[in-house]
C-alpha atoms as a PDB file:
ATOM      1  CA  MET A   1     -25.531 143.258  57.289  1.00  0.00           C
ATOM      2  CA  LEU A   2     -26.631 140.507  54.975  1.00  0.00           C
ATOM      3  CA  LEU A   3     -24.586 139.669  51.920  1.00  0.00           C
ATOM      4  CA  PRO A   4     -26.095 138.366  48.674  1.00  0.00           C
ATOM      5  CA  GLY A   5     -25.618 134.602  48.187  1.00  0.00           C
ATOM      6  CA  GLY A   6     -22.632 134.658  45.824  1.00  0.00           C
ATOM      7  CA  ASP A   7     -20.856 137.385  47.802  1.00  0.00           C
ATOM      8  CA  TYR A   8     -21.555 135.579  51.072  1.00  0.00           C
ATOM      9  CA  ASN A   9     -19.973 132.382  49.767  1.00  0.00           C
ATOM     10  CA  ALA A  10     -16.914 134.224  48.441  1.00  0.00           C
ATOM     11  CA  VAL A  11     -16.376 136.093  51.728  1.00  0.00           C
ATOM     12  CA  ARG A  12     -16.931 132.925  53.744  1.00  0.00           C
ATOM     13  CA  GLN A  13     -14.369 131.059  51.652  1.00  0.00           C
ATOM     14  CA  VAL A  14     -11.753 133.815  52.098  1.00  0.00           C
ATOM     15  CA  ILE A  15     -12.316 133.969  55.863  1.00  0.00           C
ATOM     16  CA  SER A  16     -12.094 130.196  56.107  1.00  0.00           C
ATOM     17  CA  SER A  17      -8.788 130.197  54.216  1.00  0.00           C
ATOM     18  CA  LEU A  18      -7.287 132.674  56.703  1.00  0.00           C
ATOM     19  CA  SER A  19      -6.960 129.884  59.280  1.00  0.00           C
ATOM     20  CA  ASP A  20      -4.400 128.174  57.023  1.00  0.00           C
ATOM     21  CA  GLN A  21      -2.814 131.272  55.481  1.00  0.00           C
ATOM     22  CA  PRO A  22      -3.389 134.544  57.407  1.00  0.00           C
ATOM     23  CA  TRP A  23      -1.083 136.463  55.031  1.00  0.00           C
ATOM     24  CA  PRO A  24      -2.267 135.609  51.492  1.00  0.00           C
ATOM     25  CA  VAL A  25      -0.596 137.117  48.427  1.00  0.00           C
ATOM     26  CA  LYS A  26      -3.322 139.723  47.779  1.00  0.00           C
ATOM     27  CA  LEU A  27      -3.157 141.057  51.328  1.00  0.00           C
ATOM     28  CA  ARG A  28      -2.766 144.798  51.905  1.00  0.00           C
ATOM     29  CA  LYS A  29      -1.791 146.454  55.180  1.00  0.00           C
ATOM     30  CA  ILE A  30      -3.887 149.438  56.207  1.00  0.00           C
ATOM     31  CA  VAL A  31      -1.493 152.355  56.626  1.00  0.00           C
ATOM     32  CA  GLY A  32      -1.091 153.609  60.189  1.00  0.00           C
ATOM     33  CA  SER A  33      -2.592 150.533  61.879  1.00  0.00           C
ATOM     34  CA  ASP A  34      -2.038 146.846  62.589  1.00  0.00           C
ATOM     35  CA  LEU A  35      -4.979 145.941  60.357  1.00  0.00           C
ATOM     36  CA  PHE A  36      -4.948 144.091  57.070  1.00  0.00           C
ATOM     37  CA  ARG A  37      -7.501 144.043  54.281  1.00  0.00           C
ATOM     38  CA  LEU A  38      -8.466 141.612  51.596  1.00  0.00           C
ATOM     39  CA  ARG A  39     -10.535 142.464  48.571  1.00  0.00           C
ATOM     40  CA  VAL A  40     -13.400 140.075  47.873  1.00  0.00           C
ATOM     41  CA  GLY A  41     -15.260 141.508  44.898  1.00  0.00           C
ATOM     42  CA  GLN A  42     -16.802 144.767  46.021  1.00  0.00           C
ATOM     43  CA  TYR A  43     -16.351 143.881  49.711  1.00  0.00           C
ATOM     44  CA  ARG A  44     -13.368 144.266  52.026  1.00  0.00           C
ATOM     45  CA  VAL A  45     -12.481 141.883  54.839  1.00  0.00           C
ATOM     46  CA  ILE A  46     -10.556 143.836  57.467  1.00  0.00           C
ATOM     47  CA  TYR A  47      -8.765 141.834  60.122  1.00  0.00           C
ATOM     48  CA  THR A  48      -5.849 141.517  62.546  1.00  0.00           C
ATOM     49  CA  VAL A  49      -3.560 138.597  63.251  1.00  0.00           C
ATOM     50  CA  ASP A  50      -2.413 137.685  66.756  1.00  0.00           C
ATOM     51  CA  THR A  51       0.710 135.634  66.091  1.00  0.00           C
ATOM     52  CA  LYS A  52       1.232 134.838  69.775  1.00  0.00           C
ATOM     53  CA  ASP A  53      -2.170 133.202  70.216  1.00  0.00           C
ATOM     54  CA  ARG A  54      -2.364 132.148  66.548  1.00  0.00           C
ATOM     55  CA  CYS A  55      -5.744 133.845  66.037  1.00  0.00           C
ATOM     56  CA  VAL A  56      -7.271 135.872  63.230  1.00  0.00           C
ATOM     57  CA  TYR A  57      -9.786 138.508  64.319  1.00  0.00           C
ATOM     58  CA  ILE A  58     -12.222 139.789  61.726  1.00  0.00           C
ATOM     59  CA  GLU A  59     -12.789 143.467  62.499  1.00  0.00           C
ATOM     60  CA  ARG A  60     -15.128 144.397  59.684  1.00  0.00           C
ATOM     61  CA  ILE A  61     -16.675 143.167  56.453  1.00  0.00           C
ATOM     62  CA  ALA A  62     -17.860 146.118  54.411  1.00  0.00           C
ATOM     63  CA  ARG A  63     -18.761 147.100  50.904  1.00  0.00           C
ATOM     64  CA  ARG A  64     -16.023 149.334  49.524  1.00  0.00           C
ATOM     65  CA  ASN A  65     -17.021 153.001  49.765  1.00  0.00           C
ATOM     66  CA  GLU A  66     -15.862 156.199  51.465  1.00  0.00           C
ATOM     67  CA  LYS A  67     -16.925 154.881  54.911  1.00  0.00           C
ATOM     68  CA  THR A  68     -15.199 151.506  54.759  1.00  0.00           C
ATOM     69  CA  TYR A  69     -12.036 152.520  56.605  1.00  0.00           C
ATOM     70  CA  ARG A  70     -13.428 155.232  58.898  1.00  0.00           C
ATOM     71  CA  GLY A  71     -13.076 154.651  62.598  1.00  0.00           C
ATOM     72  CA  LEU A  72     -10.520 151.850  62.354  1.00  0.00           C
END
């Protein structure tokens, strides 16, 4: 999936900031899972945090629609 230039830069900036702050203020937990989501315009960055290994794993970047959270 290719993101338009402005959206790409916004998503890239949010992902980059997760290395310093994996639990930002606008974070939402996805009910029934260990996943978190961040809203970046019309896109969602869905990720997990491994506190033991101090890693953030990006699971999905998707445009918000009825399929965004399926199969997680």
